[in-house]
Amino acid sequence: MVQTFQRTLPHGITLSCRATGEPGRPLMVFLHGFPEGAFIWDALLEYFAQPEHGGYRCVAPNLRGFEKSSSPTEVEAYKAPLLIHDIQQLVATESASGKIDTLVAHDWGGAFGWGYANAFPAQVGKLVIINSPHPGTFARELIHNPAQQKASAYMNFLAHPNAEQMLSEDDYRRMWPFFLNMKAGPDGFGWLTDAVKDQYREVWNAGLTGACNLYRVTPMKPAVPGQPAQPIPMLPRERLVINVPTFVFWALDDAALLPGLLEGLEDYVPKLEIKRVPNATHWIVHEQPQNVASEIEAFMRRN
């Protein structure tokens, strides 16, 4: 059964978390993205806590700015190193060694997952990335690929100064299409039930400023039409290499993150496995939770 708790970390940030499994067991950490919350991982938290699937201690924090976690108002408070530091301090409260056996991350959570594994390779046993671009290939595609530039144009809307107000209007009228427009038909894959919508409303009702600040603070977004293009930084190679076994799980019908982001990934991630999944979208954790769990478990058993 999933338990919820809030943990105030030494640097003053409080993270609201969901967890399963006995404390002290090997640790799995799950990082969500936008516009989601830690609850999206519940099925996987319960799966990997079971003895037959490893009996892990599974923890999914709500990132700063989401749900009941601390939500600083300053845009600069959402720079990637600060969120990575949040996770490192949370892990220190769960693992005496400070080690994550397996780090699983999606969307924005993946951005911090890539950064965490780069910064602390000795503290991450295995990395699982679900539809989240590596910063090296993302920068390349944003600079050179018009299709990815167009697919990422939504980022500028989410960075708008009034984005929170616009997104909140009319019972989040502009939010639901993020899920449903990924697949033809009014229901998407049918997972966005009234009960799931209520879970999202609970996350969003706590505020959207922190979530939108992720888009405001990042330089990794395409140019706004009619405005001078801002430079997209290319990080030095030592900030991009991932020296832990890595499994990238990629739904091919992701309308925002195109498959070209996988090209050349092995240059940054020497111990890489990629699983391409047709007929699935960016929301594959909702669409195919059993498949996601089984593929992750198989990867963990191989490494």
C-alpha atoms as a PDB file:
ATOM      1  CA  MET A   1       0.000   0.000   0.000  1.00  0.00           C
ATOM      2  CA  VAL A   2       1.317   3.445  -0.943  1.00  0.00           C
ATOM      3  CA  GLN A   3       2.082   5.688   2.016  1.00  0.00           C
ATOM      4  CA  THR A   4       2.410   9.467   1.890  1.00  0.00           C
ATOM      5  CA  PHE A   5       4.660  11.689   3.991  1.00  0.00           C
ATOM      6  CA  GLN A   6       6.383  15.045   3.975  1.00  0.00           C
ATOM      7  CA  ARG A   7      10.089  15.334   4.615  1.00  0.00           C
ATOM      8  CA  THR A   8      11.847  18.592   5.422  1.00  0.00           C
ATOM      9  CA  LEU A   9      15.448  18.427   4.240  1.00  0.00           C
ATOM     10  CA  PRO A  10      18.483  20.067   5.879  1.00  0.00           C
ATOM     11  CA  HIS A  11      18.505  22.940   3.382  1.00  0.00           C
ATOM     12  CA  GLY A  12      14.898  23.823   4.239  1.00  0.00           C
ATOM     13  CA  ILE A  13      13.003  22.405   1.255  1.00  0.00           C
ATOM     14  CA  THR A  14      10.106  20.087   2.092  1.00  0.00           C
ATOM     15  CA  LEU A  15       9.209  17.327  -0.339  1.00  0.00           C
ATOM     16  CA  SER A  16       5.878  15.530  -0.198  1.00  0.00           C
ATOM     17  CA  CYS A  17       6.492  11.888  -1.065  1.00  0.00           C
ATOM     18  CA  ARG A  18       4.775   8.620  -1.840  1.00  0.00           C
ATOM     19  CA  ALA A  19       6.485   5.392  -0.839  1.00  0.00           C
ATOM     20  CA  THR A  20       6.177   1.636  -0.493  1.00  0.00           C
ATOM     21  CA  GLY A  21       8.399  -1.063   0.896  1.00  0.00           C
ATOM     22  CA  GLU A  22      10.409  -1.415   4.046  1.00  0.00           C
ATOM     23  CA  PRO A  23      12.896   1.371   4.867  1.00  0.00           C
ATOM     24  CA  GLY A  24      16.448   0.117   4.674  1.00  0.00           C
ATOM     25  CA  ARG A  25      15.834  -2.094   1.648  1.00  0.00           C
ATOM     26  CA  PRO A  26      17.653  -1.315  -1.631  1.00  0.00           C
ATOM     27  CA  LEU A  27      16.277   1.992  -2.839  1.00  0.00           C
ATOM     28  CA  MET A  28      14.381   2.852  -6.012  1.00  0.00           C
ATOM     29  CA  VAL A  29      13.584   6.514  -6.646  1.00  0.00           C
ATOM     30  CA  PHE A  30      10.969   7.700  -9.166  1.00  0.00           C
ATOM     31  CA  LEU A  31      10.935  11.253 -10.572  1.00  0.00           C
ATOM     32  CA  HIS A  32       7.870  12.663 -12.346  1.00  0.00           C
ATOM     33  CA  GLY A  33       7.553  15.459 -14.881  1.00  0.00           C
ATOM     34  CA  PHE A  34       5.105  18.151 -16.022  1.00  0.00           C
ATOM     35  CA  PRO A  35       2.171  18.455 -15.510  1.00  0.00           C
ATOM     36  CA  GLU A  36       2.210  15.400 -13.296  1.00  0.00           C
ATOM     37  CA  GLY A  37       2.906  14.453  -9.708  1.00  0.00           C
ATOM     38  CA  ALA A  38       4.339  11.572  -7.709  1.00  0.00           C
ATOM     39  CA  PHE A  39       1.024   9.690  -7.832  1.00  0.00           C
ATOM     40  CA  ILE A  40       1.664   8.610 -11.437  1.00  0.00           C
ATOM     41  CA  TRP A  41       4.147   6.046 -10.106  1.00  0.00           C
ATOM     42  CA  ASP A  42       1.774   4.288  -7.681  1.00  0.00           C
ATOM     43  CA  ALA A  43       1.441   1.107  -9.737  1.00  0.00           C
ATOM     44  CA  LEU A  44       5.231   0.819 -10.058  1.00  0.00           C
ATOM     45  CA  LEU A  45       5.800   1.622  -6.378  1.00  0.00           C
ATOM     46  CA  GLU A  46       3.533  -1.263  -5.403  1.00  0.00           C
ATOM     47  CA  TYR A  47       5.018  -3.587  -8.015  1.00  0.00           C
ATOM     48  CA  PHE A  48       8.672  -3.217  -7.008  1.00  0.00           C
ATOM     49  CA  ALA A  49       7.962  -3.358  -3.276  1.00  0.00           C
ATOM     50  CA  GLN A  50       6.678  -6.906  -3.653  1.00  0.00           C
ATOM     51  CA  PRO A  51       9.243  -9.571  -2.646  1.00  0.00           C
ATOM     52  CA  GLU A  52       8.900 -11.413  -5.964  1.00  0.00           C
ATOM     53  CA  HIS A  53       9.905  -8.218  -7.779  1.00  0.00           C
ATOM     54  CA  GLY A  54      12.843  -7.322  -5.573  1.00  0.00           C
ATOM     55  CA  GLY A  55      11.258  -6.065  -2.362  1.00  0.00           C
ATOM     56  CA  TYR A  56      12.632  -2.568  -2.853  1.00  0.00           C
ATOM     57  CA  ARG A  57      12.090   0.555  -0.812  1.00  0.00           C
ATOM     58  CA  CYS A  58      10.368   2.722  -3.432  1.00  0.00           C
ATOM     59  CA  VAL A  59      10.119   6.506  -3.019  1.00  0.00           C
ATOM     60  CA  ALA A  60       8.515   9.011  -5.398  1.00  0.00           C
ATOM     61  CA  PRO A  61       8.845  12.652  -4.347  1.00  0.00           C
ATOM     62  CA  ASN A  62       6.788  15.496  -5.697  1.00  0.00           C
ATOM     63  CA  LEU A  63       9.459  17.798  -7.106  1.00  0.00           C
ATOM     64  CA  ARG A  64       9.785  21.280  -5.643  1.00  0.00           C
ATOM     65  CA  GLY A  65       6.948  23.389  -7.025  1.00  0.00           C
ATOM     66  CA  PHE A  66       4.533  20.463  -7.276  1.00  0.00           C
ATOM     67  CA  GLU A  67       1.671  19.276  -5.035  1.00  0.00           C
ATOM     68  CA  LYS A  68       2.517  19.879  -1.343  1.00  0.00           C
ATOM     69  CA  SER A  69       6.284  20.210  -1.822  1.00  0.00           C
ATOM     70  CA  SER A  70       7.937  23.563  -1.185  1.00  0.00           C
ATOM     71  CA  SER A  71       7.217  26.042  -3.977  1.00  0.00           C
ATOM     72  CA  PRO A  72       9.669  28.950  -3.978  1.00  0.00           C
ATOM     73  CA  THR A  73       8.324  31.855  -6.023  1.00  0.00           C
ATOM     74  CA  GLU A  74      11.645  32.890  -7.564  1.00  0.00           C
ATOM     75  CA  VAL A  75      12.257  31.573 -11.078  1.00  0.00           C
ATOM     76  CA  GLU A  76      15.949  31.044 -10.281  1.00  0.00           C
ATOM     77  CA  ALA A  77      14.980  28.578  -7.526  1.00  0.00           C
ATOM     78  CA  TYR A  78      14.135  26.003 -10.211  1.00  0.00           C
ATOM     79  CA  LYS A  79      17.555  25.618 -11.788  1.00  0.00           C
ATOM     80  CA  ALA A  80      18.444  21.972 -12.314  1.00  0.00           C
ATOM     81  CA  PRO A  81      21.308  21.762  -9.765  1.00  0.00           C
ATOM     82  CA  LEU A  82      18.921  22.850  -7.004  1.00  0.00           C
ATOM     83  CA  LEU A  83      16.353  20.155  -7.780  1.00  0.00           C
ATOM     84  CA  ILE A  84      19.120  17.572  -8.061  1.00  0.00           C
ATOM     85  CA  HIS A  85      20.326  18.677  -4.619  1.00  0.00           C
ATOM     86  CA  ASP A  86      16.796  18.135  -3.281  1.00  0.00           C
ATOM     87  CA  ILE A  87      16.882  14.549  -4.485  1.00  0.00           C
ATOM     88  CA  GLN A  88      20.354  13.921  -3.089  1.00  0.00           C
ATOM     89  CA  GLN A  89      19.282  15.148   0.340  1.00  0.00           C
ATOM     90  CA  LEU A  90      16.102  13.060   0.229  1.00  0.00           C
ATOM     91  CA  VAL A  91      18.141   9.970  -0.672  1.00  0.00           C
ATOM     92  CA  ALA A  92      20.424  10.608   2.319  1.00  0.00           C
ATOM     93  CA  THR A  93      17.367  10.236   4.579  1.00  0.00           C
ATOM     94  CA  GLU A  94      16.441   6.908   2.978  1.00  0.00           C
ATOM     95  CA  SER A  95      19.806   5.237   2.364  1.00  0.00           C
ATOM     96  CA  ALA A  96      22.682   5.074   4.838  1.00  0.00           C
ATOM     97  CA  SER A  97      25.103   4.723   1.931  1.00  0.00           C
ATOM     98  CA  GLY A  98      23.456   7.508  -0.062  1.00  0.00           C
ATOM     99  CA  LYS A  99      23.012   5.119  -2.971  1.00  0.00           C
ATOM    100  CA  ILE A 100      20.049   4.693  -5.288  1.00  0.00           C
ATOM    101  CA  ASP A 101      19.882   1.157  -6.627  1.00  0.00           C
ATOM    102  CA  THR A 102      17.690   2.233  -9.561  1.00  0.00           C
ATOM    103  CA  LEU A 103      16.651   5.761 -10.521  1.00  0.00           C
ATOM    104  CA  VAL A 104      13.541   5.906 -12.744  1.00  0.00           C
ATOM    105  CA  ALA A 105      12.577   9.216 -14.323  1.00  0.00           C
ATOM    106  CA  HIS A 106      10.146  10.648 -16.873  1.00  0.00           C
ATOM    107  CA  ASP A 107       9.867  14.009 -18.676  1.00  0.00           C
ATOM    108  CA  TRP A 108      11.278  16.813 -16.454  1.00  0.00           C
ATOM    109  CA  GLY A 109      12.134  14.166 -13.893  1.00  0.00           C
ATOM    110  CA  GLY A 110      14.376  12.685 -16.556  1.00  0.00           C
ATOM    111  CA  ALA A 111      16.227  15.973 -16.949  1.00  0.00           C
ATOM    112  CA  PHE A 112      17.140  15.756 -13.276  1.00  0.00           C
ATOM    113  CA  GLY A 113      17.772  12.018 -13.568  1.00  0.00           C
ATOM    114  CA  TRP A 114      20.331  12.559 -16.335  1.00  0.00           C
ATOM    115  CA  GLY A 115      21.965  15.293 -14.241  1.00  0.00           C
ATOM    116  CA  TYR A 116      21.987  13.204 -11.064  1.00  0.00           C
ATOM    117  CA  ALA A 117      23.615  10.208 -12.760  1.00  0.00           C
ATOM    118  CA  ASN A 118      26.237  12.460 -14.334  1.00  0.00           C
ATOM    119  CA  ALA A 119      27.045  14.250 -11.086  1.00  0.00           C
ATOM    120  CA  PHE A 120      26.941  11.209  -8.771  1.00  0.00           C
ATOM    121  CA  PRO A 121      27.680   8.094 -10.821  1.00  0.00           C
ATOM    122  CA  ALA A 122      28.953   6.165  -7.795  1.00  0.00           C
ATOM    123  CA  GLN A 123      25.613   6.749  -6.053  1.00  0.00           C
ATOM    124  CA  VAL A 124      23.412   5.405  -8.862  1.00  0.00           C
ATOM    125  CA  GLY A 125      23.406   1.703  -9.654  1.00  0.00           C
ATOM    126  CA  LYS A 126      21.106   1.870 -12.684  1.00  0.00           C
ATOM    127  CA  LEU A 127      19.277   4.619 -14.551  1.00  0.00           C
ATOM    128  CA  VAL A 128      15.927   4.275 -16.330  1.00  0.00           C
ATOM    129  CA  ILE A 129      14.765   7.151 -18.522  1.00  0.00           C
ATOM    130  CA  ILE A 130      11.238   7.265 -19.956  1.00  0.00           C
ATOM    131  CA  ASN A 131      10.688   9.773 -22.774  1.00  0.00           C
ATOM    132  CA  SER A 132      13.037  12.431 -21.489  1.00  0.00           C
ATOM    133  CA  PRO A 133      15.706  13.852 -23.794  1.00  0.00           C
ATOM    134  CA  HIS A 134      19.374  13.754 -22.951  1.00  0.00           C
ATOM    135  CA  PRO A 135      20.669  17.350 -22.798  1.00  0.00           C
ATOM    136  CA  GLY A 136      23.272  16.689 -25.478  1.00  0.00           C
ATOM    137  CA  THR A 137      20.880  15.378 -28.119  1.00  0.00           C
ATOM    138  CA  PHE A 138      18.132  17.812 -27.087  1.00  0.00           C
ATOM    139  CA  ALA A 139      20.392  20.832 -27.611  1.00  0.00           C
ATOM    140  CA  ARG A 140      21.461  19.459 -30.997  1.00  0.00           C
ATOM    141  CA  GLU A 141      17.888  18.869 -32.155  1.00  0.00           C
ATOM    142  CA  LEU A 142      16.660  22.259 -30.917  1.00  0.00           C
ATOM    143  CA  ILE A 143      19.434  23.964 -32.867  1.00  0.00           C
ATOM    144  CA  HIS A 144      19.326  21.929 -36.081  1.00  0.00           C
ATOM    145  CA  ASN A 145      15.987  20.098 -36.424  1.00  0.00           C
ATOM    146  CA  PRO A 146      12.969  22.252 -37.445  1.00  0.00           C
ATOM    147  CA  ALA A 147      10.586  19.391 -36.599  1.00  0.00           C
ATOM    148  CA  GLN A 148      11.799  19.261 -32.992  1.00  0.00           C
ATOM    149  CA  GLN A 149      11.752  23.053 -32.791  1.00  0.00           C
ATOM    150  CA  LYS A 150       8.078  22.991 -33.807  1.00  0.00           C
ATOM    151  CA  ALA A 151       7.285  20.102 -31.455  1.00  0.00           C
ATOM    152  CA  SER A 152       8.865  22.021 -28.552  1.00  0.00           C
ATOM    153  CA  ALA A 153       7.133  25.341 -29.257  1.00  0.00           C
ATOM    154  CA  TYR A 154       4.657  24.673 -26.418  1.00  0.00           C
ATOM    155  CA  MET A 155       7.510  25.338 -23.969  1.00  0.00           C
ATOM    156  CA  ASN A 156       7.293  29.054 -24.720  1.00  0.00           C
ATOM    157  CA  PHE A 157       3.592  29.098 -23.848  1.00  0.00           C
ATOM    158  CA  LEU A 158       4.323  27.427 -20.511  1.00  0.00           C
ATOM    159  CA  ALA A 159       7.051  30.029 -19.845  1.00  0.00           C
ATOM    160  CA  HIS A 160       4.628  32.944 -20.427  1.00  0.00           C
ATOM    161  CA  PRO A 161       4.327  35.288 -17.416  1.00  0.00           C
ATOM    162  CA  ASN A 162       0.594  34.521 -17.161  1.00  0.00           C
ATOM    163  CA  ALA A 163       0.818  30.800 -17.894  1.00  0.00           C
ATOM    164  CA  GLU A 164      -0.516  29.710 -14.486  1.00  0.00           C
ATOM    165  CA  GLN A 165      -3.635  31.831 -14.798  1.00  0.00           C
ATOM    166  CA  MET A 166      -4.319  30.705 -18.351  1.00  0.00           C
ATOM    167  CA  LEU A 167      -3.800  27.042 -17.490  1.00  0.00           C
ATOM    168  CA  SER A 168      -6.097  27.239 -14.460  1.00  0.00           C
ATOM    169  CA  GLU A 169      -9.066  28.760 -16.262  1.00  0.00           C
ATOM    170  CA  ASP A 170     -12.306  26.826 -16.801  1.00  0.00           C
ATOM    171  CA  ASP A 171     -11.322  23.754 -14.780  1.00  0.00           C
ATOM    172  CA  TYR A 172      -7.892  23.539 -16.443  1.00  0.00           C
ATOM    173  CA  ARG A 173      -9.383  23.598 -19.932  1.00  0.00           C
ATOM    174  CA  ARG A 174      -5.941  24.080 -21.512  1.00  0.00           C
ATOM    175  CA  MET A 175      -4.314  21.305 -19.470  1.00  0.00           C
ATOM    176  CA  TRP A 176      -6.354  18.275 -20.512  1.00  0.00           C
ATOM    177  CA  PRO A 177      -5.324  18.519 -24.209  1.00  0.00           C
ATOM    178  CA  PHE A 178      -1.700  17.889 -23.191  1.00  0.00           C
ATOM    179  CA  PHE A 179      -2.842  14.330 -22.515  1.00  0.00           C
ATOM    180  CA  LEU A 180      -5.587  13.798 -25.070  1.00  0.00           C
ATOM    181  CA  ASN A 181      -3.998  15.397 -28.140  1.00  0.00           C
ATOM    182  CA  MET A 182      -1.152  12.870 -28.168  1.00  0.00           C
ATOM    183  CA  LYS A 183      -3.455  10.283 -29.751  1.00  0.00           C
ATOM    184  CA  ALA A 184      -6.208  10.590 -32.353  1.00  0.00           C
ATOM    185  CA  GLY A 185      -9.705  10.447 -30.912  1.00  0.00           C
ATOM    186  CA  PRO A 186     -11.408  12.264 -28.031  1.00  0.00           C
ATOM    187  CA  ASP A 187     -10.336   9.774 -25.332  1.00  0.00           C
ATOM    188  CA  GLY A 188      -6.663   9.289 -26.147  1.00  0.00           C
ATOM    189  CA  PHE A 189      -6.002   5.798 -24.804  1.00  0.00           C
ATOM    190  CA  GLY A 190      -8.882   6.026 -22.321  1.00  0.00           C
ATOM    191  CA  TRP A 191      -6.764   6.200 -19.152  1.00  0.00           C
ATOM    192  CA  LEU A 192      -7.779   9.770 -18.256  1.00  0.00           C
ATOM    193  CA  THR A 193     -10.801   8.759 -16.186  1.00  0.00           C
ATOM    194  CA  ASP A 194     -12.726  11.041 -13.838  1.00  0.00           C
ATOM    195  CA  ALA A 195     -10.822   9.532 -10.914  1.00  0.00           C
ATOM    196  CA  VAL A 196      -7.453  10.249 -12.529  1.00  0.00           C
ATOM    197  CA  LYS A 197      -8.586  13.767 -13.409  1.00  0.00           C
ATOM    198  CA  ASP A 198      -9.345  14.322  -9.735  1.00  0.00           C
ATOM    199  CA  GLN A 199      -5.808  13.226  -8.849  1.00  0.00           C
ATOM    200  CA  TYR A 200      -4.441  15.777 -11.304  1.00  0.00           C
ATOM    201  CA  ARG A 201      -6.734  18.508  -9.973  1.00  0.00           C
ATOM    202  CA  GLU A 202      -5.383  17.832  -6.481  1.00  0.00           C
ATOM    203  CA  VAL A 203      -1.823  18.374  -7.737  1.00  0.00           C
ATOM    204  CA  TRP A 204      -2.681  21.465  -9.794  1.00  0.00           C
ATOM    205  CA  ASN A 205      -4.895  23.072  -7.148  1.00  0.00           C
ATOM    206  CA  ALA A 206      -1.789  23.407  -4.989  1.00  0.00           C
ATOM    207  CA  GLY A 207      -0.399  25.791  -7.612  1.00  0.00           C
ATOM    208  CA  LEU A 208       1.272  25.759 -11.019  1.00  0.00           C
ATOM    209  CA  THR A 209       3.871  28.493 -10.557  1.00  0.00           C
ATOM    210  CA  GLY A 210       6.679  26.101  -9.662  1.00  0.00           C
ATOM    211  CA  ALA A 211       5.907  23.862 -12.615  1.00  0.00           C
ATOM    212  CA  CYS A 212       5.826  26.795 -15.043  1.00  0.00           C
ATOM    213  CA  ASN A 213       9.066  28.136 -13.578  1.00  0.00           C
ATOM    214  CA  LEU A 214      10.844  25.050 -14.899  1.00  0.00           C
ATOM    215  CA  TYR A 215      10.053  26.319 -18.388  1.00  0.00           C
ATOM    216  CA  ARG A 216      10.942  29.901 -17.543  1.00  0.00           C
ATOM    217  CA  VAL A 217      14.345  29.078 -16.111  1.00  0.00           C
ATOM    218  CA  THR A 218      15.566  26.699 -18.816  1.00  0.00           C
ATOM    219  CA  PRO A 219      17.471  28.047 -21.819  1.00  0.00           C
ATOM    220  CA  MET A 220      16.688  24.777 -23.629  1.00  0.00           C
ATOM    221  CA  LYS A 221      13.668  25.884 -25.638  1.00  0.00           C
ATOM    222  CA  PRO A 222      13.120  27.038 -29.226  1.00  0.00           C
ATOM    223  CA  ALA A 223      13.017  30.649 -30.323  1.00  0.00           C
ATOM    224  CA  VAL A 224       9.783  32.605 -29.944  1.00  0.00           C
ATOM    225  CA  PRO A 225       8.507  33.627 -33.415  1.00  0.00           C
ATOM    226  CA  GLY A 226       9.288  37.254 -34.087  1.00  0.00           C
ATOM    227  CA  GLN A 227      11.834  37.520 -31.296  1.00  0.00           C
ATOM    228  CA  PRO A 228      15.624  37.151 -31.415  1.00  0.00           C
ATOM    229  CA  ALA A 229      16.698  33.581 -30.763  1.00  0.00           C
ATOM    230  CA  GLN A 230      18.315  33.010 -27.383  1.00  0.00           C
ATOM    231  CA  PRO A 231      21.474  30.888 -27.468  1.00  0.00           C
ATOM    232  CA  ILE A 232      20.977  27.251 -26.556  1.00  0.00           C
ATOM    233  CA  PRO A 233      23.942  26.143 -24.451  1.00  0.00           C
ATOM    234  CA  MET A 234      26.037  23.133 -25.354  1.00  0.00           C
ATOM    235  CA  LEU A 235      27.332  21.723 -22.104  1.00  0.00           C
ATOM    236  CA  PRO A 236      30.930  20.476 -21.933  1.00  0.00           C
ATOM    237  CA  ARG A 237      31.247  16.782 -22.589  1.00  0.00           C
ATOM    238  CA  GLU A 238      32.121  15.942 -18.985  1.00  0.00           C
ATOM    239  CA  ARG A 239      28.662  17.257 -17.991  1.00  0.00           C
ATOM    240  CA  LEU A 240      26.952  14.971 -20.505  1.00  0.00           C
ATOM    241  CA  VAL A 241      28.531  11.535 -20.097  1.00  0.00           C
ATOM    242  CA  ILE A 242      26.560   8.950 -18.099  1.00  0.00           C
ATOM    243  CA  ASN A 243      28.736   6.144 -16.740  1.00  0.00           C
ATOM    244  CA  VAL A 244      26.035   3.933 -15.243  1.00  0.00           C
ATOM    245  CA  PRO A 245      23.977   1.201 -16.944  1.00  0.00           C
ATOM    246  CA  THR A 246      21.094   3.056 -18.571  1.00  0.00           C
ATOM    247  CA  PHE A 247      17.792   1.887 -20.024  1.00  0.00           C
ATOM    248  CA  VAL A 248      15.898   4.355 -22.217  1.00  0.00           C
ATOM    249  CA  PHE A 249      12.236   3.486 -22.686  1.00  0.00           C
ATOM    250  CA  TRP A 250      10.840   5.541 -25.570  1.00  0.00           C
ATOM    251  CA  ALA A 251       7.212   5.720 -26.719  1.00  0.00           C
ATOM    252  CA  LEU A 252       7.355   6.492 -30.426  1.00  0.00           C
ATOM    253  CA  ASP A 253       4.063   8.412 -30.663  1.00  0.00           C
ATOM    254  CA  ASP A 254       5.315  11.177 -28.376  1.00  0.00           C
ATOM    255  CA  ALA A 255       4.284  14.335 -30.240  1.00  0.00           C
ATOM    256  CA  ALA A 256       6.533  16.596 -28.174  1.00  0.00           C
ATOM    257  CA  LEU A 257       9.760  14.570 -28.069  1.00  0.00           C
ATOM    258  CA  LEU A 258      10.600  13.061 -31.429  1.00  0.00           C
ATOM    259  CA  PRO A 259      12.601   9.857 -32.007  1.00  0.00           C
ATOM    260  CA  GLY A 260      15.497  11.844 -33.460  1.00  0.00           C
ATOM    261  CA  LEU A 261      16.453  12.601 -29.866  1.00  0.00           C
ATOM    262  CA  LEU A 262      17.691   9.006 -29.594  1.00  0.00           C
ATOM    263  CA  GLU A 263      20.194   9.402 -32.441  1.00  0.00           C
ATOM    264  CA  GLY A 264      23.772   9.547 -31.174  1.00  0.00           C
ATOM    265  CA  LEU A 265      22.750   8.878 -27.587  1.00  0.00           C
ATOM    266  CA  GLU A 266      25.267   6.062 -27.284  1.00  0.00           C
ATOM    267  CA  ASP A 267      28.046   8.634 -27.689  1.00  0.00           C
ATOM    268  CA  TYR A 268      27.123  10.019 -24.261  1.00  0.00           C
ATOM    269  CA  VAL A 269      25.899   6.834 -22.601  1.00  0.00           C
ATOM    270  CA  PRO A 270      28.312   3.925 -23.187  1.00  0.00           C
ATOM    271  CA  LYS A 271      26.260   1.358 -21.195  1.00  0.00           C
ATOM    272  CA  LEU A 272      23.018   1.995 -23.044  1.00  0.00           C
ATOM    273  CA  GLU A 273      19.944  -0.039 -23.874  1.00  0.00           C
ATOM    274  CA  ILE A 274      17.037   1.484 -25.817  1.00  0.00           C
ATOM    275  CA  LYS A 275      13.520   0.067 -26.024  1.00  0.00           C
ATOM    276  CA  ARG A 276      11.371   1.743 -28.690  1.00  0.00           C
ATOM    277  CA  VAL A 277       7.644   1.281 -28.073  1.00  0.00           C
ATOM    278  CA  PRO A 278       5.176   1.785 -30.949  1.00  0.00           C
ATOM    279  CA  ASN A 279       1.550   2.766 -30.358  1.00  0.00           C
ATOM    280  CA  ALA A 280       2.384   4.569 -27.124  1.00  0.00           C
ATOM    281  CA  THR A 281       2.723   8.265 -26.283  1.00  0.00           C
ATOM    282  CA  HIS A 282       4.523  10.501 -23.832  1.00  0.00           C
ATOM    283  CA  TRP A 283       2.080   9.247 -21.169  1.00  0.00           C
ATOM    284  CA  ILE A 284       3.157   5.611 -21.454  1.00  0.00           C
ATOM    285  CA  VAL A 285       3.393   5.279 -17.656  1.00  0.00           C
ATOM    286  CA  HIS A 286      -0.385   5.718 -17.593  1.00  0.00           C
ATOM    287  CA  GLU A 287      -1.049   3.800 -20.798  1.00  0.00           C
ATOM    288  CA  GLN A 288       1.065   0.704 -20.180  1.00  0.00           C
ATOM    289  CA  PRO A 289       2.088   0.498 -16.495  1.00  0.00           C
ATOM    290  CA  GLN A 290       2.513  -3.290 -16.529  1.00  0.00           C
ATOM    291  CA  ASN A 291       4.680  -3.188 -19.642  1.00  0.00           C
ATOM    292  CA  VAL A 292       6.794  -0.388 -18.175  1.00  0.00           C
ATOM    293  CA  ALA A 293       7.243  -2.310 -14.921  1.00  0.00           C
ATOM    294  CA  SER A 294       8.147  -5.560 -16.695  1.00  0.00           C
ATOM    295  CA  GLU A 295      10.699  -3.909 -18.977  1.00  0.00           C
ATOM    296  CA  ILE A 296      12.341  -2.101 -16.078  1.00  0.00           C
ATOM    297  CA  GLU A 297      12.490  -5.290 -14.047  1.00  0.00           C
ATOM    298  CA  ALA A 298      14.060  -7.196 -16.954  1.00  0.00           C
ATOM    299  CA  PHE A 299      16.702  -4.485 -17.339  1.00  0.00           C
ATOM    300  CA  MET A 300      17.445  -4.539 -13.608  1.00  0.00           C
ATOM    301  CA  ARG A 301      17.931  -8.306 -13.699  1.00  0.00           C
ATOM    302  CA  ARG A 302      20.378  -7.980 -16.617  1.00  0.00           C
ATOM    303  CA  ASN A 303      22.510  -5.399 -14.810  1.00  0.00           C
END
